[in-house]
Amino acid sequence: MPQTHIRFDWAIKKLLRNKANHVVLAGFLSELLGKQIKIQSILESESNQQAEDDKFNRVDIVAENDQGELILIEV
């Protein structure tokens, strides 16, 4: 049976376009990771296309957790 993958890259790109949406993304990441997350900065994105018709991008987010630790999240 083929595996089904859900891709969120289009949703994340849309959220990251507007800095006001960073609160929404931080809330999503907090629920996903089970820790309070605050986004500190968004680093430059990089393309990771394997073929001409691929539309993948990788974005690194620098965030701070509820213990004051800086963490790097790759989306």
C-alpha atoms as a PDB file:
ATOM      1  CA  MET A   1       0.000   0.000   0.000  1.00  0.00           C
ATOM      2  CA  PRO A   2       1.498   3.410  -0.942  1.00  0.00           C
ATOM      3  CA  GLN A   3       2.192   5.832   1.888  1.00  0.00           C
ATOM      4  CA  THR A   4       0.364   9.136   2.040  1.00  0.00           C
ATOM      5  CA  HIS A   5       2.378  12.180   3.079  1.00  0.00           C
ATOM      6  CA  ILE A   6       0.830  15.463   4.119  1.00  0.00           C
ATOM      7  CA  ARG A   7       2.897  18.489   3.116  1.00  0.00           C
ATOM      8  CA  PHE A   8       2.643  21.751   4.997  1.00  0.00           C
ATOM      9  CA  ASP A   9       5.251  23.712   3.024  1.00  0.00           C
ATOM     10  CA  TRP A  10       2.643  25.893   1.285  1.00  0.00           C
ATOM     11  CA  ALA A  11       0.935  26.726   4.594  1.00  0.00           C
ATOM     12  CA  ILE A  12       4.199  27.540   6.366  1.00  0.00           C
ATOM     13  CA  LYS A  13       5.313  29.786   3.480  1.00  0.00           C
ATOM     14  CA  LYS A  14       2.004  31.656   3.658  1.00  0.00           C
ATOM     15  CA  LEU A  15       2.328  32.095   7.437  1.00  0.00           C
ATOM     16  CA  LEU A  16       5.925  33.307   7.221  1.00  0.00           C
ATOM     17  CA  ARG A  17       5.164  36.029   4.672  1.00  0.00           C
ATOM     18  CA  ASN A  18       3.559  38.203   7.334  1.00  0.00           C
ATOM     19  CA  LYS A  19       5.375  38.704  10.646  1.00  0.00           C
ATOM     20  CA  ALA A  20       2.012  39.098  12.425  1.00  0.00           C
ATOM     21  CA  ASN A  21       1.385  35.408  11.671  1.00  0.00           C
ATOM     22  CA  HIS A  22       4.463  34.304  13.611  1.00  0.00           C
ATOM     23  CA  VAL A  23       2.247  34.062  16.717  1.00  0.00           C
ATOM     24  CA  VAL A  24       0.083  31.483  14.922  1.00  0.00           C
ATOM     25  CA  LEU A  25       3.152  29.498  13.871  1.00  0.00           C
ATOM     26  CA  ALA A  26       4.597  29.708  17.406  1.00  0.00           C
ATOM     27  CA  GLY A  27       1.298  28.374  18.783  1.00  0.00           C
ATOM     28  CA  PHE A  28       1.334  25.498  16.296  1.00  0.00           C
ATOM     29  CA  LEU A  29       4.948  24.627  17.141  1.00  0.00           C
ATOM     30  CA  SER A  30       4.205  24.873  20.884  1.00  0.00           C
ATOM     31  CA  GLU A  31       1.389  22.344  20.560  1.00  0.00           C
ATOM     32  CA  LEU A  32       3.442  20.102  18.296  1.00  0.00           C
ATOM     33  CA  LEU A  33       6.508  20.092  20.577  1.00  0.00           C
ATOM     34  CA  GLY A  34       4.651  20.223  23.904  1.00  0.00           C
ATOM     35  CA  LYS A  35       6.690  23.258  25.036  1.00  0.00           C
ATOM     36  CA  GLN A  36       6.063  26.990  24.903  1.00  0.00           C
ATOM     37  CA  ILE A  37       7.849  28.334  21.792  1.00  0.00           C
ATOM     38  CA  LYS A  38       8.591  31.957  20.896  1.00  0.00           C
ATOM     39  CA  ILE A  39       9.967  32.688  17.416  1.00  0.00           C
ATOM     40  CA  GLN A  40      13.093  34.846  17.543  1.00  0.00           C
ATOM     41  CA  SER A  41      13.958  35.018  13.836  1.00  0.00           C
ATOM     42  CA  ILE A  42      13.491  33.399  10.454  1.00  0.00           C
ATOM     43  CA  LEU A  43      16.725  32.544   8.656  1.00  0.00           C
ATOM     44  CA  GLU A  44      17.205  32.582   4.897  1.00  0.00           C
ATOM     45  CA  SER A  45      15.404  29.775   3.109  1.00  0.00           C
ATOM     46  CA  GLU A  46      17.079  27.362   0.752  1.00  0.00           C
ATOM     47  CA  SER A  47      15.697  25.386  -2.132  1.00  0.00           C
ATOM     48  CA  ASN A  48      16.138  21.647  -2.014  1.00  0.00           C
ATOM     49  CA  GLN A  49      14.709  20.712  -5.386  1.00  0.00           C
ATOM     50  CA  GLN A  50      15.694  17.310  -6.683  1.00  0.00           C
ATOM     51  CA  ALA A  51      13.940  17.701 -10.039  1.00  0.00           C
ATOM     52  CA  GLU A  52      12.648  20.578 -12.135  1.00  0.00           C
ATOM     53  CA  ASP A  53       9.017  20.035 -11.079  1.00  0.00           C
ATOM     54  CA  ASP A  54       9.777  19.780  -7.324  1.00  0.00           C
ATOM     55  CA  LYS A  55       8.693  22.756  -5.234  1.00  0.00           C
ATOM     56  CA  PHE A  56      10.358  22.145  -1.885  1.00  0.00           C
ATOM     57  CA  ASN A  57      11.948  24.814   0.267  1.00  0.00           C
ATOM     58  CA  ARG A  58      13.613  24.549   3.623  1.00  0.00           C
ATOM     59  CA  VAL A  59      13.299  27.314   6.203  1.00  0.00           C
ATOM     60  CA  ASP A  60      15.153  27.534   9.500  1.00  0.00           C
ATOM     61  CA  ILE A  61      13.445  29.173  12.457  1.00  0.00           C
ATOM     62  CA  VAL A  62      15.369  30.301  15.525  1.00  0.00           C
ATOM     63  CA  ALA A  63      13.060  29.972  18.512  1.00  0.00           C
ATOM     64  CA  GLU A  64      13.240  30.115  22.286  1.00  0.00           C
ATOM     65  CA  ASN A  65      11.585  27.474  24.441  1.00  0.00           C
ATOM     66  CA  ASP A  66      10.029  27.900  27.882  1.00  0.00           C
ATOM     67  CA  GLN A  67      13.400  27.219  29.553  1.00  0.00           C
ATOM     68  CA  GLY A  68      15.119  30.079  27.714  1.00  0.00           C
ATOM     69  CA  GLU A  69      17.039  27.753  25.393  1.00  0.00           C
ATOM     70  CA  LEU A  70      17.492  28.766  21.764  1.00  0.00           C
ATOM     71  CA  ILE A  71      16.502  26.025  19.357  1.00  0.00           C
ATOM     72  CA  LEU A  72      16.701  25.694  15.588  1.00  0.00           C
ATOM     73  CA  ILE A  73      13.610  24.347  13.847  1.00  0.00           C
ATOM     74  CA  GLU A  74      13.837  23.291  10.223  1.00  0.00           C
ATOM     75  CA  VAL A  75      10.578  23.466   8.287  1.00  0.00           C
END
